[in-house]
Amino acid sequence: MTDSEDDTGVPVHCDACETRTRVPLSDLADAIERHNEDVHDGEPVAEVDPVLKEQLADLVVEDLGLLEEDA
C-alpha cells in the first residue's frame, strides 16, 4: 500500500508499515488481504481505519436498535 492524495475510498492503515491509503469499497477486502499476504506473511496487520470501524459499529448498533430497552 502507498500513501494516496486521493480522498475517495475507505481509509486503510498499516501501523507496521506506517502507511495510510484509501481504497475503493469494491476493492477493500482484496487490497487488505493482498497487502497482509505480500508484506506481513498473512498476518492481519493492515486494517480499515480503527476510528471508522468504531463509527460504523456504532451506526449498526443504533440502526438495529440493539441498545433500546424493551418497554
C-alpha atoms as a PDB file:
ATOM      1  CA  MET A   1       0.000   0.000   0.000  1.00  0.00           C
ATOM      2  CA  THR A   2       1.123   3.521  -0.614  1.00  0.00           C
ATOM      3  CA  ASP A   3       0.003   6.881   0.658  1.00  0.00           C
ATOM      4  CA  SER A   4      -2.603   8.400  -1.579  1.00  0.00           C
ATOM      5  CA  GLU A   5      -3.575  12.007  -2.150  1.00  0.00           C
ATOM      6  CA  ASP A   6      -6.960  10.846  -3.394  1.00  0.00           C
ATOM      7  CA  ASP A   7      -9.602  11.403  -0.689  1.00  0.00           C
ATOM      8  CA  THR A   8     -12.084   8.922  -2.141  1.00  0.00           C
ATOM      9  CA  GLY A   9     -12.418   5.434  -0.786  1.00  0.00           C
ATOM     10  CA  VAL A  10     -12.168   3.750   2.582  1.00  0.00           C
ATOM     11  CA  PRO A  11      -9.178   4.708   4.745  1.00  0.00           C
ATOM     12  CA  VAL A  12      -6.826   1.783   5.398  1.00  0.00           C
ATOM     13  CA  HIS A  13      -3.996   1.862   7.925  1.00  0.00           C
ATOM     14  CA  CYS A  14      -0.990  -0.370   8.363  1.00  0.00           C
ATOM     15  CA  ASP A  15       0.819   0.641  11.523  1.00  0.00           C
ATOM     16  CA  ALA A  16       3.594  -1.888  10.915  1.00  0.00           C
ATOM     17  CA  CYS A  17       4.488  -0.212   7.602  1.00  0.00           C
ATOM     18  CA  GLU A  18       3.417   3.230   8.763  1.00  0.00           C
ATOM     19  CA  THR A  19       1.290   3.575   5.638  1.00  0.00           C
ATOM     20  CA  ARG A  20      -2.098   5.129   5.094  1.00  0.00           C
ATOM     21  CA  THR A  21      -4.118   4.861   1.908  1.00  0.00           C
ATOM     22  CA  ARG A  22      -7.685   4.952   0.645  1.00  0.00           C
ATOM     23  CA  VAL A  23      -9.156   2.037  -1.254  1.00  0.00           C
ATOM     24  CA  PRO A  24     -12.442   1.902  -3.183  1.00  0.00           C
ATOM     25  CA  LEU A  25     -15.022  -0.055  -1.212  1.00  0.00           C
ATOM     26  CA  SER A  26     -15.309  -2.608  -4.004  1.00  0.00           C
ATOM     27  CA  ASP A  27     -11.564  -3.399  -3.698  1.00  0.00           C
ATOM     28  CA  LEU A  28     -11.251  -3.113   0.077  1.00  0.00           C
ATOM     29  CA  ALA A  29     -11.179  -6.757   1.183  1.00  0.00           C
ATOM     30  CA  ASP A  30      -8.851  -7.803  -1.642  1.00  0.00           C
ATOM     31  CA  ALA A  31      -6.458  -4.890  -1.083  1.00  0.00           C
ATOM     32  CA  ILE A  32      -6.137  -5.552   2.652  1.00  0.00           C
ATOM     33  CA  GLU A  33      -5.718  -9.282   2.133  1.00  0.00           C
ATOM     34  CA  ARG A  34      -3.163  -8.778  -0.636  1.00  0.00           C
ATOM     35  CA  HIS A  35      -1.123  -6.325   1.462  1.00  0.00           C
ATOM     36  CA  ASN A  36      -1.144  -8.586   4.501  1.00  0.00           C
ATOM     37  CA  GLU A  37      -0.187 -11.639   2.412  1.00  0.00           C
ATOM     38  CA  ASP A  38       2.547  -9.891   0.434  1.00  0.00           C
ATOM     39  CA  VAL A  39       4.089  -7.809   3.205  1.00  0.00           C
ATOM     40  CA  HIS A  40       3.209  -9.476   6.511  1.00  0.00           C
ATOM     41  CA  ASP A  41       3.133 -13.214   5.700  1.00  0.00           C
ATOM     42  CA  GLY A  42      -0.639 -13.259   6.054  1.00  0.00           C
ATOM     43  CA  GLU A  43      -0.754 -11.648   9.499  1.00  0.00           C
ATOM     44  CA  PRO A  44      -3.788  -9.340   9.768  1.00  0.00           C
ATOM     45  CA  VAL A  45      -1.839  -6.107  10.229  1.00  0.00           C
ATOM     46  CA  ALA A  46      -3.394  -3.693   7.725  1.00  0.00           C
ATOM     47  CA  GLU A  47      -6.990  -2.794   8.515  1.00  0.00           C
ATOM     48  CA  VAL A  48      -9.742  -0.287   7.933  1.00  0.00           C
ATOM     49  CA  ASP A  49      -9.092   2.854   9.958  1.00  0.00           C
ATOM     50  CA  PRO A  50      -9.993   1.853  13.545  1.00  0.00           C
ATOM     51  CA  VAL A  51     -11.888   5.110  14.156  1.00  0.00           C
ATOM     52  CA  LEU A  52     -14.047   4.466  11.093  1.00  0.00           C
ATOM     53  CA  LYS A  53     -14.647   0.855  12.173  1.00  0.00           C
ATOM     54  CA  GLU A  54     -15.871   2.075  15.570  1.00  0.00           C
ATOM     55  CA  GLN A  55     -18.145   4.677  13.983  1.00  0.00           C
ATOM     56  CA  LEU A  56     -19.631   2.075  11.640  1.00  0.00           C
ATOM     57  CA  ALA A  57     -20.189  -0.358  14.508  1.00  0.00           C
ATOM     58  CA  ASP A  58     -21.995   2.360  16.469  1.00  0.00           C
ATOM     59  CA  LEU A  59     -24.224   3.125  13.492  1.00  0.00           C
ATOM     60  CA  VAL A  60     -25.085  -0.553  13.014  1.00  0.00           C
ATOM     61  CA  VAL A  61     -25.927  -0.988  16.697  1.00  0.00           C
ATOM     62  CA  GLU A  62     -28.119   2.116  16.596  1.00  0.00           C
ATOM     63  CA  ASP A  63     -29.787   1.108  13.326  1.00  0.00           C
ATOM     64  CA  LEU A  64     -30.580  -2.387  14.625  1.00  0.00           C
ATOM     65  CA  GLY A  65     -31.866  -0.951  17.901  1.00  0.00           C
ATOM     66  CA  LEU A  66     -29.609  -3.217  19.940  1.00  0.00           C
ATOM     67  CA  LEU A  67     -29.311  -0.710  22.779  1.00  0.00           C
ATOM     68  CA  GLU A  68     -33.015   0.029  23.078  1.00  0.00           C
ATOM     69  CA  GLU A  69     -34.694  -1.232  26.200  1.00  0.00           C
ATOM     70  CA  ASP A  70     -37.895  -3.225  25.833  1.00  0.00           C
ATOM     71  CA  ALA A  71     -40.878  -1.356  27.238  1.00  0.00           C
END
